[in-house]
């Protein structure tokens, strides 16, 4: 968990663990990540 917090603090949009990820979670994470990146660029 600490590595996940460090990754987000370092600039990652999300931190997912392979064994805990399904299609719905991965798809939502990717969509949100792209939108957040676009908003950051707009800002």
ModelCIF file with pLDDT and N, C-alpha, C, O atoms, coordinates in Angstrom:
data_MODEL
#
_entry.id   MODEL 
#
_entity.id                         1 
_entity.type                       polymer 
_entity.pdbx_number_of_molecules   1 
#
_entity_poly.entity_id                      1 
_entity_poly.type                           'polypeptide(L)' 
_entity_poly.nstd_linkage                   no 
_entity_poly.nstd_monomer                   no 
_entity_poly.pdbx_seq_one_letter_code       
;(UNK)(UNK)(UNK)(UNK)(UNK)(UNK)(UNK)(UNK)(UNK)(UNK)(UNK)(UNK)(UNK)(UNK)(UNK)(UNK)
(UNK)(UNK)(UNK)(UNK)(UNK)(UNK)(UNK)(UNK)(UNK)(UNK)(UNK)(UNK)(UNK)(UNK)(UNK)(UNK)
(UNK)(UNK)(UNK)(UNK)(UNK)(UNK)(UNK)(UNK)(UNK)(UNK)(UNK)
;
_entity_poly.pdbx_seq_one_letter_code_can   XXXXXXXXXXXXXXXXXXXXXXXXXXXXXXXXXXXXXXXXXXX 
_entity_poly.pdbx_strand_id                 A 
#
loop_
_entity_poly_seq.entity_id 
_entity_poly_seq.num 
_entity_poly_seq.mon_id 
_entity_poly_seq.hetero 
1 1  UNK n 
1 2  UNK n 
1 3  UNK n 
1 4  UNK n 
1 5  UNK n 
1 6  UNK n 
1 7  UNK n 
1 8  UNK n 
1 9  UNK n 
1 10 UNK n 
1 11 UNK n 
1 12 UNK n 
1 13 UNK n 
1 14 UNK n 
1 15 UNK n 
1 16 UNK n 
1 17 UNK n 
1 18 UNK n 
1 19 UNK n 
1 20 UNK n 
1 21 UNK n 
1 22 UNK n 
1 23 UNK n 
1 24 UNK n 
1 25 UNK n 
1 26 UNK n 
1 27 UNK n 
1 28 UNK n 
1 29 UNK n 
1 30 UNK n 
1 31 UNK n 
1 32 UNK n 
1 33 UNK n 
1 34 UNK n 
1 35 UNK n 
1 36 UNK n 
1 37 UNK n 
1 38 UNK n 
1 39 UNK n 
1 40 UNK n 
1 41 UNK n 
1 42 UNK n 
1 43 UNK n 
#
_struct_asym.id          A 
_struct_asym.entity_id   1 
#
loop_
_ma_qa_metric.id 
_ma_qa_metric.mode 
_ma_qa_metric.name 
_ma_qa_metric.software_group_id 
_ma_qa_metric.type 
1 global pLDDT . pLDDT 
2 local  pLDDT . pLDDT 
#
_ma_qa_metric_global.metric_id      1 
_ma_qa_metric_global.metric_value   84.35 
_ma_qa_metric_global.model_id       1 
_ma_qa_metric_global.ordinal_id     1 
#
loop_
_ma_qa_metric_local.label_asym_id 
_ma_qa_metric_local.label_comp_id 
_ma_qa_metric_local.label_seq_id 
_ma_qa_metric_local.metric_id 
_ma_qa_metric_local.metric_value 
_ma_qa_metric_local.model_id 
_ma_qa_metric_local.ordinal_id 
A UNK 1  2 71.00 1 1  
A UNK 2  2 79.00 1 2  
A UNK 3  2 78.00 1 3  
A UNK 4  2 81.00 1 4  
A UNK 5  2 84.00 1 5  
A UNK 6  2 87.00 1 6  
A UNK 7  2 86.00 1 7  
A UNK 8  2 84.00 1 8  
A UNK 9  2 87.00 1 9  
A UNK 10 2 86.00 1 10 
A UNK 11 2 86.00 1 11 
A UNK 12 2 89.00 1 12 
A UNK 13 2 89.00 1 13 
A UNK 14 2 89.00 1 14 
A UNK 15 2 88.00 1 15 
A UNK 16 2 89.00 1 16 
A UNK 17 2 87.00 1 17 
A UNK 18 2 84.00 1 18 
A UNK 19 2 80.00 1 19 
A UNK 20 2 85.00 1 20 
A UNK 21 2 84.00 1 21 
A UNK 22 2 88.00 1 22 
A UNK 23 2 86.00 1 23 
A UNK 24 2 87.00 1 24 
A UNK 25 2 89.00 1 25 
A UNK 26 2 88.00 1 26 
A UNK 27 2 86.00 1 27 
A UNK 28 2 87.00 1 28 
A UNK 29 2 89.00 1 29 
A UNK 30 2 87.00 1 30 
A UNK 31 2 87.00 1 31 
A UNK 32 2 86.00 1 32 
A UNK 33 2 84.00 1 33 
A UNK 34 2 84.00 1 34 
A UNK 35 2 85.00 1 35 
A UNK 36 2 84.00 1 36 
A UNK 37 2 81.00 1 37 
A UNK 38 2 82.00 1 38 
A UNK 39 2 83.00 1 39 
A UNK 40 2 78.00 1 40 
A UNK 41 2 76.00 1 41 
A UNK 42 2 78.00 1 42 
A UNK 43 2 79.00 1 43 
#
loop_
_atom_site.group_PDB 
_atom_site.id 
_atom_site.type_symbol 
_atom_site.label_atom_id 
_atom_site.label_alt_id 
_atom_site.label_comp_id 
_atom_site.label_asym_id 
_atom_site.label_entity_id 
_atom_site.label_seq_id 
_atom_site.pdbx_PDB_ins_code 
_atom_site.Cartn_x 
_atom_site.Cartn_y 
_atom_site.Cartn_z 
_atom_site.occupancy 
_atom_site.B_iso_or_equiv 
_atom_site.pdbx_formal_charge 
_atom_site.auth_seq_id 
_atom_site.auth_comp_id 
_atom_site.auth_asym_id 
_atom_site.auth_atom_id 
_atom_site.pdbx_PDB_model_num 
ATOM 1   N N  . UNK A 1 1  ? 0.827   -1.212  0.000   1.00 71.00 ? 1  UNK A N  1 
ATOM 2   C CA . UNK A 1 1  ? 0.000   0.000   0.000   1.00 71.00 ? 1  UNK A CA 1 
ATOM 3   C C  . UNK A 1 1  ? 0.858   1.257   0.000   1.00 71.00 ? 1  UNK A C  1 
ATOM 4   O O  . UNK A 1 1  ? 0.524   2.237   -0.665  1.00 71.00 ? 1  UNK A O  1 
ATOM 5   N N  . UNK A 1 2  ? 1.952   1.233   0.737   1.00 79.00 ? 2  UNK A N  1 
ATOM 6   C CA . UNK A 1 2  ? 2.840   2.400   0.788   1.00 79.00 ? 2  UNK A CA 1 
ATOM 7   C C  . UNK A 1 2  ? 3.410   2.699   -0.587  1.00 79.00 ? 2  UNK A C  1 
ATOM 8   O O  . UNK A 1 2  ? 3.544   3.863   -0.964  1.00 79.00 ? 2  UNK A O  1 
ATOM 9   N N  . UNK A 1 3  ? 3.748   1.651   -1.344  1.00 78.00 ? 3  UNK A N  1 
ATOM 10  C CA . UNK A 1 3  ? 4.266   1.853   -2.701  1.00 78.00 ? 3  UNK A CA 1 
ATOM 11  C C  . UNK A 1 3  ? 3.206   2.493   -3.585  1.00 78.00 ? 3  UNK A C  1 
ATOM 12  O O  . UNK A 1 3  ? 3.517   3.322   -4.440  1.00 78.00 ? 3  UNK A O  1 
ATOM 13  N N  . UNK A 1 4  ? 1.936   2.100   -3.372  1.00 81.00 ? 4  UNK A N  1 
ATOM 14  C CA . UNK A 1 4  ? 0.862   2.709   -4.148  1.00 81.00 ? 4  UNK A CA 1 
ATOM 15  C C  . UNK A 1 4  ? 0.731   4.192   -3.888  1.00 81.00 ? 4  UNK A C  1 
ATOM 16  O O  . UNK A 1 4  ? 0.557   4.982   -4.816  1.00 81.00 ? 4  UNK A O  1 
ATOM 17  N N  . UNK A 1 5  ? 0.818   4.577   -2.601  1.00 84.00 ? 5  UNK A N  1 
ATOM 18  C CA . UNK A 1 5  ? 0.753   6.000   -2.278  1.00 84.00 ? 5  UNK A CA 1 
ATOM 19  C C  . UNK A 1 5  ? 1.919   6.760   -2.877  1.00 84.00 ? 5  UNK A C  1 
ATOM 20  O O  . UNK A 1 5  ? 1.747   7.872   -3.375  1.00 84.00 ? 5  UNK A O  1 
ATOM 21  N N  . UNK A 1 6  ? 3.099   6.173   -2.833  1.00 87.00 ? 6  UNK A N  1 
ATOM 22  C CA . UNK A 1 6  ? 4.277   6.816   -3.414  1.00 87.00 ? 6  UNK A CA 1 
ATOM 23  C C  . UNK A 1 6  ? 4.120   6.983   -4.923  1.00 87.00 ? 6  UNK A C  1 
ATOM 24  O O  . UNK A 1 6  ? 4.521   8.003   -5.484  1.00 87.00 ? 6  UNK A O  1 
ATOM 25  N N  . UNK A 1 7  ? 3.536   5.981   -5.576  1.00 86.00 ? 7  UNK A N  1 
ATOM 26  C CA . UNK A 1 7  ? 3.358   6.058   -7.028  1.00 86.00 ? 7  UNK A CA 1 
ATOM 27  C C  . UNK A 1 7  ? 2.421   7.199   -7.409  1.00 86.00 ? 7  UNK A C  1 
ATOM 28  O O  . UNK A 1 7  ? 2.700   7.962   -8.334  1.00 86.00 ? 7  UNK A O  1 
ATOM 29  N N  . UNK A 1 8  ? 1.298   7.310   -6.682  1.00 84.00 ? 8  UNK A N  1 
ATOM 30  C CA . UNK A 1 8  ? 0.357   8.392   -6.967  1.00 84.00 ? 8  UNK A CA 1 
ATOM 31  C C  . UNK A 1 8  ? 0.993   9.745   -6.665  1.00 84.00 ? 8  UNK A C  1 
ATOM 32  O O  . UNK A 1 8  ? 0.817   10.705  -7.416  1.00 84.00 ? 8  UNK A O  1 
ATOM 33  N N  . UNK A 1 9  ? 1.734   9.813   -5.560  1.00 87.00 ? 9  UNK A N  1 
ATOM 34  C CA . UNK A 1 9  ? 2.411   11.060  -5.223  1.00 87.00 ? 9  UNK A CA 1 
ATOM 35  C C  . UNK A 1 9  ? 3.443   11.434  -6.272  1.00 87.00 ? 9  UNK A C  1 
ATOM 36  O O  . UNK A 1 9  ? 3.698   12.617  -6.499  1.00 87.00 ? 9  UNK A O  1 
ATOM 37  N N  . UNK A 1 10 ? 4.039   10.433  -6.916  1.00 86.00 ? 10 UNK A N  1 
ATOM 38  C CA . UNK A 1 10 ? 5.065   10.686  -7.926  1.00 86.00 ? 10 UNK A CA 1 
ATOM 39  C C  . UNK A 1 10 ? 4.473   11.065  -9.277  1.00 86.00 ? 10 UNK A C  1 
ATOM 40  O O  . UNK A 1 10 ? 5.206   11.471  -10.179 1.00 86.00 ? 10 UNK A O  1 
ATOM 41  N N  . UNK A 1 11 ? 3.144   10.938  -9.429  1.00 86.00 ? 11 UNK A N  1 
ATOM 42  C CA . UNK A 1 11 ? 2.522   11.370  -10.676 1.00 86.00 ? 11 UNK A CA 1 
ATOM 43  C C  . UNK A 1 11 ? 1.682   10.338  -11.373 1.00 86.00 ? 11 UNK A C  1 
ATOM 44  O O  . UNK A 1 11 ? 1.089   10.642  -12.408 1.00 86.00 ? 11 UNK A O  1 
ATOM 45  N N  . UNK A 1 12 ? 1.600   9.110   -10.848 1.00 89.00 ? 12 UNK A N  1 
ATOM 46  C CA . UNK A 1 12 ? 0.723   8.108   -11.449 1.00 89.00 ? 12 UNK A CA 1 
ATOM 47  C C  . UNK A 1 12 ? -0.730  8.492   -11.229 1.00 89.00 ? 12 UNK A C  1 
ATOM 48  O O  . UNK A 1 12 ? -1.072  9.070   -10.197 1.00 89.00 ? 12 UNK A O  1 
ATOM 49  N N  . UNK A 1 13 ? -1.585  8.175   -12.188 1.00 89.00 ? 13 UNK A N  1 
ATOM 50  C CA . UNK A 1 13 ? -3.004  8.449   -12.040 1.00 89.00 ? 13 UNK A CA 1 
ATOM 51  C C  . UNK A 1 13 ? -3.698  7.415   -11.158 1.00 89.00 ? 13 UNK A C  1 
ATOM 52  O O  . UNK A 1 13 ? -4.714  7.717   -10.533 1.00 89.00 ? 13 UNK A O  1 
ATOM 53  N N  . UNK A 1 14 ? -3.161  6.210   -11.103 1.00 89.00 ? 14 UNK A N  1 
ATOM 54  C CA . UNK A 1 14 ? -3.747  5.163   -10.277 1.00 89.00 ? 14 UNK A CA 1 
ATOM 55  C C  . UNK A 1 14 ? -2.703  4.077   -10.042 1.00 89.00 ? 14 UNK A C  1 
ATOM 56  O O  . UNK A 1 14 ? -1.687  4.015   -10.735 1.00 89.00 ? 14 UNK A O  1 
ATOM 57  N N  . UNK A 1 15 ? -2.971  3.210   -9.044  1.00 88.00 ? 15 UNK A N  1 
ATOM 58  C CA . UNK A 1 15 ? -2.077  2.101   -8.686  1.00 88.00 ? 15 UNK A CA 1 
ATOM 59  C C  . UNK A 1 15 ? -2.946  0.857   -8.513  1.00 88.00 ? 15 UNK A C  1 
ATOM 60  O O  . UNK A 1 15 ? -3.736  0.772   -7.573  1.00 88.00 ? 15 UNK A O  1 
ATOM 61  N N  . UNK A 1 16 ? -2.801  -0.101  -9.417  1.00 89.00 ? 16 UNK A N  1 
ATOM 62  C CA . UNK A 1 16 ? -3.615  -1.310  -9.421  1.00 89.00 ? 16 UNK A CA 1 
ATOM 63  C C  . UNK A 1 16 ? -2.735  -2.534  -9.211  1.00 89.00 ? 16 UNK A C  1 
ATOM 64  O O  . UNK A 1 16 ? -1.608  -2.598  -9.703  1.00 89.00 ? 16 UNK A O  1 
ATOM 65  N N  . UNK A 1 17 ? -3.274  -3.513  -8.464  1.00 87.00 ? 17 UNK A N  1 
ATOM 66  C CA . UNK A 1 17 ? -2.582  -4.772  -8.224  1.00 87.00 ? 17 UNK A CA 1 
ATOM 67  C C  . UNK A 1 17 ? -3.167  -5.817  -9.157  1.00 87.00 ? 17 UNK A C  1 
ATOM 68  O O  . UNK A 1 17 ? -4.384  -5.996  -9.204  1.00 87.00 ? 17 UNK A O  1 
ATOM 69  N N  . UNK A 1 18 ? -2.317  -6.505  -9.896  1.00 84.00 ? 18 UNK A N  1 
ATOM 70  C CA . UNK A 1 18 ? -2.765  -7.411  -10.947 1.00 84.00 ? 18 UNK A CA 1 
ATOM 71  C C  . UNK A 1 18 ? -3.790  -8.428  -10.466 1.00 84.00 ? 18 UNK A C  1 
ATOM 72  O O  . UNK A 1 18 ? -4.814  -8.624  -11.120 1.00 84.00 ? 18 UNK A O  1 
ATOM 73  N N  . UNK A 1 19 ? -3.534  -9.075  -9.341  1.00 80.00 ? 19 UNK A N  1 
ATOM 74  C CA . UNK A 1 19 ? -4.431  -10.111 -8.877  1.00 80.00 ? 19 UNK A CA 1 
ATOM 75  C C  . UNK A 1 19 ? -5.760  -9.609  -8.385  1.00 80.00 ? 19 UNK A C  1 
ATOM 76  O O  . UNK A 1 19 ? -6.672  -10.405 -8.162  1.00 80.00 ? 19 UNK A O  1 
ATOM 77  N N  . UNK A 1 20 ? -5.899  -8.307  -8.208  1.00 85.00 ? 20 UNK A N  1 
ATOM 78  C CA . UNK A 1 20 ? -7.136  -7.738  -7.679  1.00 85.00 ? 20 UNK A CA 1 
ATOM 79  C C  . UNK A 1 20 ? -7.935  -6.976  -8.729  1.00 85.00 ? 20 UNK A C  1 
ATOM 80  O O  . UNK A 1 20 ? -8.940  -6.343  -8.406  1.00 85.00 ? 20 UNK A O  1 
ATOM 81  N N  . UNK A 1 21 ? -7.499  -7.033  -9.974  1.00 84.00 ? 21 UNK A N  1 
ATOM 82  C CA . UNK A 1 21 ? -8.096  -6.218  -11.039 1.00 84.00 ? 21 UNK A CA 1 
ATOM 83  C C  . UNK A 1 21 ? -8.941  -7.082  -11.964 1.00 84.00 ? 21 UNK A C  1 
ATOM 84  O O  . UNK A 1 21 ? -8.513  -8.149  -12.403 1.00 84.00 ? 21 UNK A O  1 
ATOM 85  N N  . UNK A 1 22 ? -10.150 -6.604  -12.252 1.00 88.00 ? 22 UNK A N  1 
ATOM 86  C CA . UNK A 1 22 ? -10.994 -7.203  -13.268 1.00 88.00 ? 22 UNK A CA 1 
ATOM 87  C C  . UNK A 1 22 ? -11.240 -6.216  -14.387 1.00 88.00 ? 22 UNK A C  1 
ATOM 88  O O  . UNK A 1 22 ? -10.700 -5.109  -14.378 1.00 88.00 ? 22 UNK A O  1 
ATOM 89  N N  . UNK A 1 23 ? -12.055 -6.614  -15.351 1.00 86.00 ? 23 UNK A N  1 
ATOM 90  C CA . UNK A 1 23 ? -12.303 -5.751  -16.500 1.00 86.00 ? 23 UNK A CA 1 
ATOM 91  C C  . UNK A 1 23 ? -12.960 -4.443  -16.126 1.00 86.00 ? 23 UNK A C  1 
ATOM 92  O O  . UNK A 1 23 ? -12.579 -3.391  -16.639 1.00 86.00 ? 23 UNK A O  1 
ATOM 93  N N  . UNK A 1 24 ? -13.954 -4.489  -15.229 1.00 87.00 ? 24 UNK A N  1 
ATOM 94  C CA . UNK A 1 24 ? -14.665 -3.258  -14.856 1.00 87.00 ? 24 UNK A CA 1 
ATOM 95  C C  . UNK A 1 24 ? -13.743 -2.265  -14.157 1.00 87.00 ? 24 UNK A C  1 
ATOM 96  O O  . UNK A 1 24 ? -13.745 -1.077  -14.481 1.00 87.00 ? 24 UNK A O  1 
ATOM 97  N N  . UNK A 1 25 ? -12.949 -2.756  -13.191 1.00 89.00 ? 25 UNK A N  1 
ATOM 98  C CA . UNK A 1 25 ? -12.046 -1.869  -12.458 1.00 89.00 ? 25 UNK A CA 1 
ATOM 99  C C  . UNK A 1 25 ? -10.973 -1.288  -13.373 1.00 89.00 ? 25 UNK A C  1 
ATOM 100 O O  . UNK A 1 25 ? -10.673 -0.096  -13.306 1.00 89.00 ? 25 UNK A O  1 
ATOM 101 N N  . UNK A 1 26 ? -10.398 -2.130  -14.224 1.00 88.00 ? 26 UNK A N  1 
ATOM 102 C CA . UNK A 1 26 ? -9.347  -1.636  -15.121 1.00 88.00 ? 26 UNK A CA 1 
ATOM 103 C C  . UNK A 1 26 ? -9.912  -0.609  -16.095 1.00 88.00 ? 26 UNK A C  1 
ATOM 104 O O  . UNK A 1 26 ? -9.295  0.429   -16.334 1.00 88.00 ? 26 UNK A O  1 
ATOM 105 N N  . UNK A 1 27 ? -11.087 -0.897  -16.657 1.00 86.00 ? 27 UNK A N  1 
ATOM 106 C CA . UNK A 1 27 ? -11.686 0.042   -17.606 1.00 86.00 ? 27 UNK A CA 1 
ATOM 107 C C  . UNK A 1 27 ? -11.993 1.376   -16.967 1.00 86.00 ? 27 UNK A C  1 
ATOM 108 O O  . UNK A 1 27 ? -11.728 2.428   -17.550 1.00 86.00 ? 27 UNK A O  1 
ATOM 109 N N  . UNK A 1 28 ? -12.564 1.338   -15.740 1.00 87.00 ? 28 UNK A N  1 
ATOM 110 C CA . UNK A 1 28 ? -12.879 2.587   -15.045 1.00 87.00 ? 28 UNK A CA 1 
ATOM 111 C C  . UNK A 1 28 ? -11.615 3.367   -14.720 1.00 87.00 ? 28 UNK A C  1 
ATOM 112 O O  . UNK A 1 28 ? -11.586 4.589   -14.869 1.00 87.00 ? 28 UNK A O  1 
ATOM 113 N N  . UNK A 1 29 ? -10.568 2.674   -14.277 1.00 89.00 ? 29 UNK A N  1 
ATOM 114 C CA . UNK A 1 29 ? -9.327  3.345   -13.924 1.00 89.00 ? 29 UNK A CA 1 
ATOM 115 C C  . UNK A 1 29 ? -8.709  4.026   -15.145 1.00 89.00 ? 29 UNK A C  1 
ATOM 116 O O  . UNK A 1 29 ? -8.225  5.155   -15.055 1.00 89.00 ? 29 UNK A O  1 
ATOM 117 N N  . UNK A 1 30 ? -8.729  3.338   -16.278 1.00 87.00 ? 30 UNK A N  1 
ATOM 118 C CA . UNK A 1 30 ? -8.150  3.918   -17.500 1.00 87.00 ? 30 UNK A CA 1 
ATOM 119 C C  . UNK A 1 30 ? -8.943  5.144   -17.938 1.00 87.00 ? 30 UNK A C  1 
ATOM 120 O O  . UNK A 1 30 ? -8.365  6.175   -18.280 1.00 87.00 ? 30 UNK A O  1 
ATOM 121 N N  . UNK A 1 31 ? -10.271 5.026   -17.927 1.00 87.00 ? 31 UNK A N  1 
ATOM 122 C CA . UNK A 1 31 ? -11.099 6.176   -18.349 1.00 87.00 ? 31 UNK A CA 1 
ATOM 123 C C  . UNK A 1 31 ? -10.854 7.388   -17.445 1.00 87.00 ? 31 UNK A C  1 
ATOM 124 O O  . UNK A 1 31 ? -10.643 8.501   -17.926 1.00 87.00 ? 31 UNK A O  1 
ATOM 125 N N  . UNK A 1 32 ? -10.883 7.156   -16.141 1.00 86.00 ? 32 UNK A N  1 
ATOM 126 C CA . UNK A 1 32 ? -10.676 8.262   -15.210 1.00 86.00 ? 32 UNK A CA 1 
ATOM 127 C C  . UNK A 1 32 ? -9.278  8.864   -15.361 1.00 86.00 ? 32 UNK A C  1 
ATOM 128 O O  . UNK A 1 32 ? -9.105  10.081  -15.292 1.00 86.00 ? 32 UNK A O  1 
ATOM 129 N N  . UNK A 1 33 ? -8.292  8.002   -15.567 1.00 84.00 ? 33 UNK A N  1 
ATOM 130 C CA . UNK A 1 33 ? -6.918  8.492   -15.695 1.00 84.00 ? 33 UNK A CA 1 
ATOM 131 C C  . UNK A 1 33 ? -6.773  9.411   -16.893 1.00 84.00 ? 33 UNK A C  1 
ATOM 132 O O  . UNK A 1 33 ? -6.139  10.463  -16.806 1.00 84.00 ? 33 UNK A O  1 
ATOM 133 N N  . UNK A 1 34 ? -7.364  9.009   -18.017 1.00 84.00 ? 34 UNK A N  1 
ATOM 134 C CA . UNK A 1 34 ? -7.264  9.834   -19.227 1.00 84.00 ? 34 UNK A CA 1 
ATOM 135 C C  . UNK A 1 34 ? -7.975  11.166  -19.015 1.00 84.00 ? 34 UNK A C  1 
ATOM 136 O O  . UNK A 1 34 ? -7.454  12.213  -19.401 1.00 84.00 ? 34 UNK A O  1 
ATOM 137 N N  . UNK A 1 35 ? -9.164  11.139  -18.404 1.00 85.00 ? 35 UNK A N  1 
ATOM 138 C CA . UNK A 1 35 ? -9.902  12.379  -18.187 1.00 85.00 ? 35 UNK A CA 1 
ATOM 139 C C  . UNK A 1 35 ? -9.172  13.308  -17.219 1.00 85.00 ? 35 UNK A C  1 
ATOM 140 O O  . UNK A 1 35 ? -9.121  14.519  -17.436 1.00 85.00 ? 35 UNK A O  1 
ATOM 141 N N  . UNK A 1 36 ? -8.605  12.740  -16.150 1.00 84.00 ? 36 UNK A N  1 
ATOM 142 C CA . UNK A 1 36 ? -7.856  13.591  -15.214 1.00 84.00 ? 36 UNK A CA 1 
ATOM 143 C C  . UNK A 1 36 ? -6.656  14.228  -15.897 1.00 84.00 ? 36 UNK A C  1 
ATOM 144 O O  . UNK A 1 36 ? -6.335  15.390  -15.651 1.00 84.00 ? 36 UNK A O  1 
ATOM 145 N N  . UNK A 1 37 ? -5.999  13.463  -16.753 1.00 81.00 ? 37 UNK A N  1 
ATOM 146 C CA . UNK A 1 37 ? -4.835  13.995  -17.470 1.00 81.00 ? 37 UNK A CA 1 
ATOM 147 C C  . UNK A 1 37 ? -5.249  15.141  -18.394 1.00 81.00 ? 37 UNK A C  1 
ATOM 148 O O  . UNK A 1 37 ? -4.548  16.147  -18.501 1.00 81.00 ? 37 UNK A O  1 
ATOM 149 N N  . UNK A 1 38 ? -6.404  14.978  -19.065 1.00 82.00 ? 38 UNK A N  1 
ATOM 150 C CA . UNK A 1 38 ? -6.889  16.047  -19.940 1.00 82.00 ? 38 UNK A CA 1 
ATOM 151 C C  . UNK A 1 38 ? -7.226  17.300  -19.137 1.00 82.00 ? 38 UNK A C  1 
ATOM 152 O O  . UNK A 1 38 ? -6.939  18.418  -19.565 1.00 82.00 ? 38 UNK A O  1 
ATOM 153 N N  . UNK A 1 39 ? -7.839  17.102  -17.966 1.00 83.00 ? 39 UNK A N  1 
ATOM 154 C CA . UNK A 1 39 ? -8.165  18.257  -17.127 1.00 83.00 ? 39 UNK A CA 1 
ATOM 155 C C  . UNK A 1 39 ? -6.903  18.949  -16.631 1.00 83.00 ? 39 UNK A C  1 
ATOM 156 O O  . UNK A 1 39 ? -6.849  20.178  -16.572 1.00 83.00 ? 39 UNK A O  1 
ATOM 157 N N  . UNK A 1 40 ? -5.891  18.169  -16.276 1.00 78.00 ? 40 UNK A N  1 
ATOM 158 C CA . UNK A 1 40 ? -4.626  18.767  -15.843 1.00 78.00 ? 40 UNK A CA 1 
ATOM 159 C C  . UNK A 1 40 ? -3.990  19.576  -16.965 1.00 78.00 ? 40 UNK A C  1 
ATOM 160 O O  . UNK A 1 40 ? -3.464  20.666  -16.741 1.00 78.00 ? 40 UNK A O  1 
ATOM 161 N N  . UNK A 1 41 ? -4.048  19.025  -18.182 1.00 76.00 ? 41 UNK A N  1 
ATOM 162 C CA . UNK A 1 41 ? -3.493  19.754  -19.327 1.00 76.00 ? 41 UNK A CA 1 
ATOM 163 C C  . UNK A 1 41 ? -4.266  21.044  -19.574 1.00 76.00 ? 41 UNK A C  1 
ATOM 164 O O  . UNK A 1 41 ? -3.680  22.081  -19.885 1.00 76.00 ? 41 UNK A O  1 
ATOM 165 N N  . UNK A 1 42 ? -5.616  20.968  -19.428 1.00 78.00 ? 42 UNK A N  1 
ATOM 166 C CA . UNK A 1 42 ? -6.431  22.168  -19.617 1.00 78.00 ? 42 UNK A CA 1 
ATOM 167 C C  . UNK A 1 42 ? -6.121  23.209  -18.550 1.00 78.00 ? 42 UNK A C  1 
ATOM 168 O O  . UNK A 1 42 ? -6.065  24.404  -18.841 1.00 78.00 ? 42 UNK A O  1 
ATOM 169 N N  . UNK A 1 43 ? -5.918  22.756  -17.313 1.00 79.00 ? 43 UNK A N  1 
ATOM 170 C CA . UNK A 1 43 ? -5.578  23.688  -16.231 1.00 79.00 ? 43 UNK A CA 1 
ATOM 171 C C  . UNK A 1 43 ? -4.238  24.364  -16.497 1.00 79.00 ? 43 UNK A C  1 
ATOM 172 O O  . UNK A 1 43 ? -3.788  25.181  -15.694 1.00 79.00 ? 43 UNK A O  1 
#
